[in-house]
Amino acid sequence: MDIQTMTIAEFLALPNKQQCSMENISKLSVDDLFLLLDEHDLTIEVRNEISIYLNTVIPDVIPESEFVEDNSAKEGIYYPALNTVAIIYTILGWAIFIIGIISSIYVFWEVNKISGVVIFVSTAFLALFTFATSESIKVLTDMSSFLYQILNFLKQKK
């Protein structure tokens, strides 16, 4: 009986659903499976299926704590309140920008052209500042989430 084998390139060319198939995973060597886990960007489902297969072939090779059951750990959603504040700042920035355009057009045509330009520039600057504040909050929460993930990864490696 001839056992069919598969290369890493052939495996990666398969659709995600077929990559999760134990039949296709079993066609790869154990070394290739470890290379896939270490060096390739795979979906969580494929990683879990490969880990399950490796645990059947070599028991306790991958601890169950490394199995990812929830996408929130990968997405880094650890600060929902700060994400809400960032969204509020974004909405506020758009509101300031729209109101600034409307008021500057009105002042430009009805009152004074210079005042209309000044209002437009100042509200655009204020809107830009609120957008920057929103993005700064998002960057800080992302940095914190990724640092937390790195810390957990390093703790597991010890």
N, C-alpha and C. Protein backbone atom coordinates (compact mmCIF):
# COMPACT_ATOMS: atom_id res chain seq x y z
N MET A 1 0.85 -1.19 0.00
CA MET A 1 0.00 0.00 0.00
C MET A 1 0.89 1.25 0.00
N ASP A 2 0.69 2.13 -0.97
CA ASP A 2 1.50 3.33 -1.13
C ASP A 2 0.83 4.51 -0.44
N ILE A 3 1.53 5.13 0.49
CA ILE A 3 0.99 6.28 1.21
C ILE A 3 1.30 7.54 0.42
N GLN A 4 0.26 8.32 0.13
CA GLN A 4 0.47 9.56 -0.61
C GLN A 4 0.99 10.62 0.34
N THR A 5 1.92 11.42 -0.17
CA THR A 5 2.45 12.52 0.63
C THR A 5 2.12 13.84 -0.06
N MET A 6 2.29 14.90 0.70
CA MET A 6 1.97 16.23 0.20
C MET A 6 3.05 17.19 0.67
N THR A 7 3.38 18.16 -0.16
CA THR A 7 4.36 19.17 0.23
C THR A 7 3.64 20.31 0.94
N ILE A 8 4.43 21.16 1.59
CA ILE A 8 3.86 22.33 2.28
C ILE A 8 3.18 23.25 1.27
N ALA A 9 3.81 23.45 0.11
CA ALA A 9 3.24 24.32 -0.92
C ALA A 9 1.90 23.79 -1.41
N GLU A 10 1.81 22.48 -1.61
CA GLU A 10 0.53 21.89 -2.04
C GLU A 10 -0.53 22.05 -0.95
N PHE A 11 -0.13 21.89 0.31
CA PHE A 11 -1.07 22.04 1.42
C PHE A 11 -1.57 23.48 1.51
N LEU A 12 -0.67 24.45 1.38
CA LEU A 12 -1.05 25.86 1.48
C LEU A 12 -1.92 26.29 0.30
N ALA A 13 -1.82 25.58 -0.82
CA ALA A 13 -2.64 25.91 -1.98
C ALA A 13 -4.09 25.43 -1.82
N LEU A 14 -4.32 24.54 -0.88
CA LEU A 14 -5.68 24.03 -0.66
C LEU A 14 -6.56 25.09 -0.02
N PRO A 15 -7.87 25.04 -0.27
CA PRO A 15 -8.79 25.95 0.44
C PRO A 15 -8.78 25.65 1.94
N ASN A 16 -9.20 26.61 2.71
CA ASN A 16 -9.18 26.51 4.17
C ASN A 16 -9.92 25.27 4.67
N LYS A 17 -11.06 24.97 4.08
CA LYS A 17 -11.85 23.82 4.53
C LYS A 17 -11.09 22.51 4.32
N GLN A 18 -10.37 22.41 3.19
CA GLN A 18 -9.60 21.19 2.93
C GLN A 18 -8.33 21.13 3.77
N GLN A 19 -7.81 22.30 4.17
CA GLN A 19 -6.65 22.30 5.06
C GLN A 19 -7.03 21.75 6.43
N CYS A 20 -8.29 21.91 6.82
CA CYS A 20 -8.74 21.40 8.13
C CYS A 20 -9.02 19.90 8.10
N SER A 21 -8.97 19.30 6.94
CA SER A 21 -9.25 17.88 6.80
C SER A 21 -8.09 17.05 7.36
N MET A 22 -8.43 16.10 8.24
CA MET A 22 -7.41 15.21 8.80
C MET A 22 -6.75 14.36 7.72
N GLU A 23 -7.50 14.06 6.67
CA GLU A 23 -6.95 13.28 5.56
C GLU A 23 -5.80 14.03 4.90
N ASN A 24 -5.96 15.33 4.67
CA ASN A 24 -4.90 16.12 4.05
C ASN A 24 -3.76 16.41 5.03
N ILE A 25 -4.11 16.63 6.30
CA ILE A 25 -3.07 16.89 7.31
C ILE A 25 -2.18 15.66 7.47
N SER A 26 -2.78 14.49 7.40
CA SER A 26 -2.00 13.26 7.60
C SER A 26 -1.05 12.97 6.43
N LYS A 27 -1.23 13.66 5.31
CA LYS A 27 -0.34 13.47 4.17
C LYS A 27 0.98 14.23 4.34
N LEU A 28 1.06 15.10 5.33
CA LEU A 28 2.28 15.86 5.60
C LEU A 28 3.12 15.14 6.64
N SER A 29 4.41 15.32 6.57
CA SER A 29 5.28 14.74 7.59
C SER A 29 5.16 15.55 8.88
N VAL A 30 5.56 14.97 9.97
CA VAL A 30 5.51 15.66 11.26
C VAL A 30 6.39 16.91 11.24
N ASP A 31 7.55 16.80 10.62
CA ASP A 31 8.44 17.97 10.51
C ASP A 31 7.78 19.09 9.72
N ASP A 32 7.10 18.72 8.62
CA ASP A 32 6.40 19.74 7.84
C ASP A 32 5.27 20.38 8.63
N LEU A 33 4.60 19.60 9.46
CA LEU A 33 3.52 20.16 10.28
C LEU A 33 4.07 21.16 11.29
N PHE A 34 5.21 20.85 11.90
CA PHE A 34 5.82 21.80 12.82
C PHE A 34 6.28 23.06 12.09
N LEU A 35 6.81 22.90 10.87
CA LEU A 35 7.19 24.07 10.07
C LEU A 35 5.97 24.93 9.75
N LEU A 36 4.87 24.28 9.42
CA LEU A 36 3.64 25.04 9.14
C LEU A 36 3.21 25.86 10.36
N LEU A 37 3.25 25.23 11.51
CA LEU A 37 2.83 25.93 12.73
C LEU A 37 3.77 27.08 13.08
N ASP A 38 5.06 26.88 12.86
CA ASP A 38 6.05 27.88 13.27
C ASP A 38 6.23 29.01 12.26
N GLU A 39 6.19 28.71 10.98
CA GLU A 39 6.63 29.68 9.99
C GLU A 39 5.56 30.20 9.04
N HIS A 40 4.34 29.72 9.14
CA HIS A 40 3.31 30.12 8.18
C HIS A 40 2.11 30.71 8.91
N ASP A 41 1.45 31.63 8.21
CA ASP A 41 0.27 32.30 8.76
C ASP A 41 -0.96 31.46 8.42
N LEU A 42 -1.41 30.68 9.39
CA LEU A 42 -2.56 29.80 9.20
C LEU A 42 -3.74 30.31 10.00
N THR A 43 -4.93 29.91 9.59
CA THR A 43 -6.11 30.29 10.37
C THR A 43 -6.13 29.52 11.68
N ILE A 44 -6.90 29.99 12.60
CA ILE A 44 -7.00 29.35 13.92
C ILE A 44 -7.53 27.93 13.79
N GLU A 45 -8.51 27.75 12.90
CA GLU A 45 -9.09 26.42 12.72
C GLU A 45 -8.04 25.42 12.22
N VAL A 46 -7.24 25.84 11.24
CA VAL A 46 -6.21 24.95 10.69
C VAL A 46 -5.16 24.65 11.75
N ARG A 47 -4.75 25.68 12.50
CA ARG A 47 -3.77 25.47 13.58
C ARG A 47 -4.28 24.45 14.60
N ASN A 48 -5.56 24.59 14.97
CA ASN A 48 -6.12 23.66 15.95
C ASN A 48 -6.18 22.24 15.41
N GLU A 49 -6.57 22.09 14.14
CA GLU A 49 -6.63 20.74 13.55
C GLU A 49 -5.25 20.11 13.45
N ILE A 50 -4.25 20.90 13.07
CA ILE A 50 -2.88 20.36 13.01
C ILE A 50 -2.42 19.98 14.41
N SER A 51 -2.73 20.80 15.40
CA SER A 51 -2.34 20.49 16.78
C SER A 51 -3.02 19.23 17.28
N ILE A 52 -4.29 19.06 16.94
CA ILE A 52 -5.01 17.84 17.34
C ILE A 52 -4.37 16.62 16.68
N TYR A 53 -4.05 16.74 15.39
CA TYR A 53 -3.41 15.62 14.70
C TYR A 53 -2.06 15.29 15.32
N LEU A 54 -1.26 16.31 15.59
CA LEU A 54 0.05 16.07 16.20
C LEU A 54 -0.09 15.42 17.57
N ASN A 55 -1.11 15.79 18.32
CA ASN A 55 -1.31 15.17 19.64
C ASN A 55 -1.75 13.72 19.51
N THR A 56 -2.39 13.35 18.40
CA THR A 56 -2.74 11.94 18.23
C THR A 56 -1.53 11.11 17.80
N VAL A 57 -0.66 11.76 17.01
CA VAL A 57 0.54 11.06 16.54
C VAL A 57 1.60 11.00 17.63
N ILE A 58 1.84 12.14 18.27
CA ILE A 58 2.82 12.25 19.35
C ILE A 58 2.07 12.83 20.56
N PRO A 59 1.62 12.00 21.48
CA PRO A 59 0.82 12.51 22.60
C PRO A 59 1.55 13.58 23.41
N ASP A 60 0.79 14.57 23.84
CA ASP A 60 1.26 15.68 24.68
C ASP A 60 2.36 16.52 24.03
N VAL A 61 2.40 16.55 22.69
CA VAL A 61 3.41 17.37 22.03
C VAL A 61 3.02 18.85 22.10
N ILE A 62 1.73 19.14 22.06
CA ILE A 62 1.26 20.52 22.15
C ILE A 62 0.25 20.58 23.29
N PRO A 63 0.55 21.36 24.33
CA PRO A 63 -0.39 21.45 25.44
C PRO A 63 -1.71 22.06 25.00
N GLU A 64 -2.80 21.64 25.63
CA GLU A 64 -4.11 22.15 25.26
C GLU A 64 -4.24 23.64 25.52
N SER A 65 -3.40 24.20 26.37
CA SER A 65 -3.47 25.64 26.64
C SER A 65 -3.12 26.46 25.41
N GLU A 66 -2.43 25.87 24.42
CA GLU A 66 -2.07 26.62 23.22
C GLU A 66 -3.16 26.59 22.17
N PHE A 67 -4.20 25.76 22.37
CA PHE A 67 -5.30 25.74 21.43
C PHE A 67 -6.09 27.03 21.59
N VAL A 68 -6.42 27.66 20.48
CA VAL A 68 -7.16 28.91 20.53
C VAL A 68 -8.61 28.62 20.22
N GLU A 69 -9.46 28.84 21.20
CA GLU A 69 -10.88 28.59 21.01
C GLU A 69 -11.64 29.86 20.69
N ASP A 70 -11.06 30.99 21.01
CA ASP A 70 -11.77 32.24 20.89
C ASP A 70 -10.94 33.22 20.06
N ASN A 71 -11.58 33.91 19.12
CA ASN A 71 -10.86 34.86 18.28
C ASN A 71 -10.53 36.15 19.01
N SER A 72 -11.19 36.45 20.13
CA SER A 72 -10.95 37.72 20.82
C SER A 72 -9.51 37.81 21.33
N ALA A 73 -8.89 36.67 21.66
CA ALA A 73 -7.49 36.71 22.11
C ALA A 73 -6.56 37.11 20.97
N LYS A 74 -6.88 36.70 19.76
CA LYS A 74 -6.06 37.06 18.61
C LYS A 74 -6.32 38.49 18.15
N GLU A 75 -7.56 38.96 18.30
CA GLU A 75 -7.90 40.29 17.84
C GLU A 75 -7.42 41.37 18.79
N GLY A 76 -7.17 41.04 20.03
CA GLY A 76 -6.67 42.03 20.97
C GLY A 76 -7.74 42.94 21.54
N ILE A 77 -8.95 42.43 21.71
CA ILE A 77 -10.02 43.26 22.26
C ILE A 77 -9.97 43.12 23.78
N TYR A 78 -9.18 43.96 24.40
CA TYR A 78 -9.03 43.90 25.85
C TYR A 78 -9.56 45.15 26.53
N TYR A 79 -9.82 46.22 25.78
CA TYR A 79 -10.24 47.49 26.37
C TYR A 79 -11.49 48.01 25.66
N PRO A 80 -12.63 47.39 25.89
CA PRO A 80 -13.84 47.82 25.19
C PRO A 80 -14.26 49.25 25.55
N ALA A 81 -14.01 49.69 26.77
CA ALA A 81 -14.39 51.05 27.17
C ALA A 81 -13.56 52.08 26.40
N LEU A 82 -12.26 51.84 26.28
CA LEU A 82 -11.41 52.77 25.53
C LEU A 82 -11.72 52.74 24.04
N ASN A 83 -12.10 51.58 23.53
CA ASN A 83 -12.51 51.51 22.13
C ASN A 83 -13.78 52.33 21.91
N THR A 84 -14.68 52.31 22.87
CA THR A 84 -15.90 53.12 22.79
C THR A 84 -15.56 54.60 22.82
N VAL A 85 -14.64 54.99 23.68
CA VAL A 85 -14.20 56.40 23.73
C VAL A 85 -13.58 56.81 22.40
N ALA A 86 -12.80 55.94 21.79
CA ALA A 86 -12.20 56.24 20.49
C ALA A 86 -13.27 56.43 19.42
N ILE A 87 -14.29 55.61 19.45
CA ILE A 87 -15.40 55.74 18.49
C ILE A 87 -16.13 57.06 18.72
N ILE A 88 -16.34 57.43 19.98
CA ILE A 88 -17.00 58.70 20.28
C ILE A 88 -16.17 59.87 19.76
N TYR A 89 -14.85 59.82 19.93
CA TYR A 89 -13.99 60.88 19.40
C TYR A 89 -14.07 60.94 17.87
N THR A 90 -14.15 59.81 17.21
CA THR A 90 -14.27 59.80 15.75
C THR A 90 -15.58 60.44 15.31
N ILE A 91 -16.68 60.07 15.97
CA ILE A 91 -17.98 60.67 15.65
C ILE A 91 -17.96 62.17 15.92
N LEU A 92 -17.36 62.54 17.04
CA LEU A 92 -17.25 63.97 17.38
C LEU A 92 -16.43 64.71 16.33
N GLY A 93 -15.35 64.11 15.85
CA GLY A 93 -14.53 64.73 14.81
C GLY A 93 -15.31 64.97 13.54
N TRP A 94 -16.11 63.96 13.12
CA TRP A 94 -16.92 64.14 11.92
C TRP A 94 -17.98 65.23 12.13
N ALA A 95 -18.59 65.24 13.32
CA ALA A 95 -19.61 66.26 13.60
C ALA A 95 -18.99 67.66 13.56
N ILE A 96 -17.83 67.83 14.17
CA ILE A 96 -17.15 69.14 14.16
C ILE A 96 -16.82 69.54 12.73
N PHE A 97 -16.34 68.60 11.94
CA PHE A 97 -15.96 68.91 10.56
C PHE A 97 -17.17 69.33 9.73
N ILE A 98 -18.27 68.60 9.84
CA ILE A 98 -19.48 68.90 9.06
C ILE A 98 -20.08 70.24 9.49
N ILE A 99 -20.20 70.45 10.80
CA ILE A 99 -20.74 71.72 11.30
C ILE A 99 -19.81 72.87 10.91
N GLY A 100 -18.51 72.64 10.93
CA GLY A 100 -17.55 73.67 10.54
C GLY A 100 -17.70 74.06 9.08
N ILE A 101 -17.90 73.06 8.21
CA ILE A 101 -18.08 73.37 6.79
C ILE A 101 -19.36 74.17 6.58
N ILE A 102 -20.46 73.72 7.19
CA ILE A 102 -21.74 74.42 7.02
C ILE A 102 -21.65 75.85 7.54
N SER A 103 -21.10 76.02 8.75
CA SER A 103 -21.03 77.37 9.32
C SER A 103 -20.05 78.26 8.56
N SER A 104 -18.95 77.69 8.07
CA SER A 104 -18.00 78.51 7.32
C SER A 104 -18.58 78.96 5.99
N ILE A 105 -19.35 78.10 5.33
CA ILE A 105 -20.01 78.50 4.08
C ILE A 105 -21.01 79.62 4.34
N TYR A 106 -21.80 79.46 5.41
CA TYR A 106 -22.78 80.50 5.75
C TYR A 106 -22.08 81.83 6.04
N VAL A 107 -21.06 81.80 6.90
CA VAL A 107 -20.35 83.03 7.26
C VAL A 107 -19.63 83.61 6.04
N PHE A 108 -19.07 82.76 5.19
CA PHE A 108 -18.35 83.23 4.01
C PHE A 108 -19.26 84.03 3.08
N TRP A 109 -20.50 83.54 2.85
CA TRP A 109 -21.40 84.22 1.91
C TRP A 109 -22.24 85.30 2.56
N GLU A 110 -22.57 85.18 3.84
CA GLU A 110 -23.50 86.11 4.47
C GLU A 110 -22.82 87.19 5.31
N VAL A 111 -21.70 86.90 5.94
CA VAL A 111 -21.10 87.85 6.87
C VAL A 111 -19.81 88.43 6.29
N ASN A 112 -18.76 87.62 6.31
CA ASN A 112 -17.44 88.12 5.93
C ASN A 112 -16.64 86.96 5.36
N LYS A 113 -16.00 87.17 4.24
CA LYS A 113 -15.24 86.09 3.59
C LYS A 113 -14.05 85.65 4.43
N ILE A 114 -13.35 86.58 5.04
CA ILE A 114 -12.18 86.23 5.86
C ILE A 114 -12.62 85.42 7.08
N SER A 115 -13.71 85.82 7.71
CA SER A 115 -14.22 85.08 8.88
C SER A 115 -14.63 83.67 8.48
N GLY A 116 -15.21 83.51 7.31
CA GLY A 116 -15.59 82.18 6.84
C GLY A 116 -14.39 81.27 6.66
N VAL A 117 -13.32 81.81 6.12
CA VAL A 117 -12.09 81.04 5.93
C VAL A 117 -11.47 80.68 7.28
N VAL A 118 -11.46 81.64 8.20
CA VAL A 118 -10.92 81.40 9.54
C VAL A 118 -11.71 80.31 10.25
N ILE A 119 -13.03 80.36 10.15
CA ILE A 119 -13.88 79.34 10.79
C ILE A 119 -13.60 77.97 10.17
N PHE A 120 -13.46 77.91 8.85
CA PHE A 120 -13.19 76.63 8.19
C PHE A 120 -11.85 76.05 8.64
N VAL A 121 -10.81 76.87 8.65
CA VAL A 121 -9.48 76.39 9.03
C VAL A 121 -9.46 75.94 10.49
N SER A 122 -10.09 76.73 11.36
CA SER A 122 -10.06 76.38 12.79
C SER A 122 -10.87 75.12 13.08
N THR A 123 -12.04 74.95 12.45
CA THR A 123 -12.82 73.73 12.69
C THR A 123 -12.15 72.51 12.05
N ALA A 124 -11.49 72.71 10.91
CA ALA A 124 -10.77 71.59 10.30
C ALA A 124 -9.63 71.15 11.21
N PHE A 125 -8.93 72.11 11.80
CA PHE A 125 -7.85 71.78 12.73
C PHE A 125 -8.40 71.06 13.96
N LEU A 126 -9.52 71.55 14.50
CA LEU A 126 -10.12 70.91 15.67
C LEU A 126 -10.59 69.49 15.34
N ALA A 127 -11.19 69.31 14.17
CA ALA A 127 -11.63 67.97 13.75
C ALA A 127 -10.42 67.05 13.59
N LEU A 128 -9.37 67.56 12.99
CA LEU A 128 -8.14 66.77 12.83
C LEU A 128 -7.57 66.36 14.18
N PHE A 129 -7.62 67.26 15.15
CA PHE A 129 -7.13 66.95 16.49
C PHE A 129 -7.98 65.85 17.15
N THR A 130 -9.31 65.88 16.97
CA THR A 130 -10.15 64.83 17.56
C THR A 130 -9.91 63.49 16.86
N PHE A 131 -9.70 63.51 15.53
CA PHE A 131 -9.36 62.26 14.83
C PHE A 131 -8.03 61.71 15.34
N ALA A 132 -7.07 62.57 15.55
CA ALA A 132 -5.76 62.13 16.04
C ALA A 132 -5.88 61.56 17.45
N THR A 133 -6.71 62.16 18.28
CA THR A 133 -6.93 61.64 19.63
C THR A 133 -7.54 60.25 19.57
N SER A 134 -8.52 60.07 18.69
CA SER A 134 -9.15 58.76 18.52
C SER A 134 -8.13 57.71 18.08
N GLU A 135 -7.33 58.04 17.09
CA GLU A 135 -6.32 57.09 16.61
C GLU A 135 -5.25 56.82 17.67
N SER A 136 -4.91 57.81 18.47
CA SER A 136 -3.92 57.59 19.54
C SER A 136 -4.45 56.60 20.57
N ILE A 137 -5.71 56.72 20.90
CA ILE A 137 -6.31 55.77 21.85
C ILE A 137 -6.28 54.36 21.25
N LYS A 138 -6.63 54.23 19.97
CA LYS A 138 -6.61 52.91 19.32
C LYS A 138 -5.20 52.33 19.30
N VAL A 139 -4.21 53.16 18.99
CA VAL A 139 -2.82 52.69 18.94
C VAL A 139 -2.36 52.22 20.31
N LEU A 140 -2.67 52.98 21.34
CA LEU A 140 -2.25 52.60 22.70
C LEU A 140 -2.91 51.30 23.15
N THR A 141 -4.19 51.12 22.86
CA THR A 141 -4.85 49.87 23.25
C THR A 141 -4.30 48.70 22.45
N ASP A 142 -4.01 48.91 21.16
CA ASP A 142 -3.41 47.84 20.36
C ASP A 142 -2.02 47.47 20.87
N MET A 143 -1.24 48.48 21.20
CA MET A 143 0.10 48.20 21.74
C MET A 143 0.01 47.40 23.03
N SER A 144 -0.89 47.80 23.90
CA SER A 144 -1.05 47.10 25.16
C SER A 144 -1.50 45.65 24.94
N SER A 145 -2.44 45.45 24.02
CA SER A 145 -2.92 44.10 23.74
C SER A 145 -1.82 43.22 23.18
N PHE A 146 -1.04 43.78 22.24
CA PHE A 146 0.03 42.98 21.64
C PHE A 146 1.15 42.70 22.63
N LEU A 147 1.44 43.65 23.50
CA LEU A 147 2.45 43.40 24.53
C LEU A 147 1.98 42.30 25.49
N TYR A 148 0.69 42.30 25.79
CA TYR A 148 0.12 41.25 26.64
C TYR A 148 0.24 39.89 25.96
N GLN A 149 -0.03 39.84 24.65
CA GLN A 149 0.10 38.58 23.91
C GLN A 149 1.55 38.11 23.87
N ILE A 150 2.48 39.04 23.68
CA ILE A 150 3.91 38.70 23.67
C ILE A 150 4.32 38.15 25.04
N LEU A 151 3.86 38.80 26.10
CA LEU A 151 4.17 38.33 27.45
C LEU A 151 3.67 36.92 27.67
N ASN A 152 2.43 36.64 27.27
CA ASN A 152 1.89 35.29 27.42
C ASN A 152 2.66 34.28 26.58
N PHE A 153 3.07 34.68 25.39
CA PHE A 153 3.85 33.78 24.54
C PHE A 153 5.19 33.46 25.19
N LEU A 154 5.86 34.48 25.73
CA LEU A 154 7.15 34.25 26.38
C LEU A 154 7.01 33.42 27.65
N LYS A 155 5.91 33.60 28.38
CA LYS A 155 5.68 32.79 29.57
C LYS A 155 5.50 31.32 29.21
N GLN A 156 4.82 31.07 28.07
CA GLN A 156 4.60 29.68 27.65
C GLN A 156 5.88 29.02 27.16
N LYS A 157 6.81 29.81 26.64
CA LYS A 157 8.05 29.26 26.13
C LYS A 157 8.99 28.82 27.26
N LYS A 158 8.82 29.37 28.48
CA LYS A 158 9.71 29.03 29.58
C LYS A 158 9.54 27.62 30.04
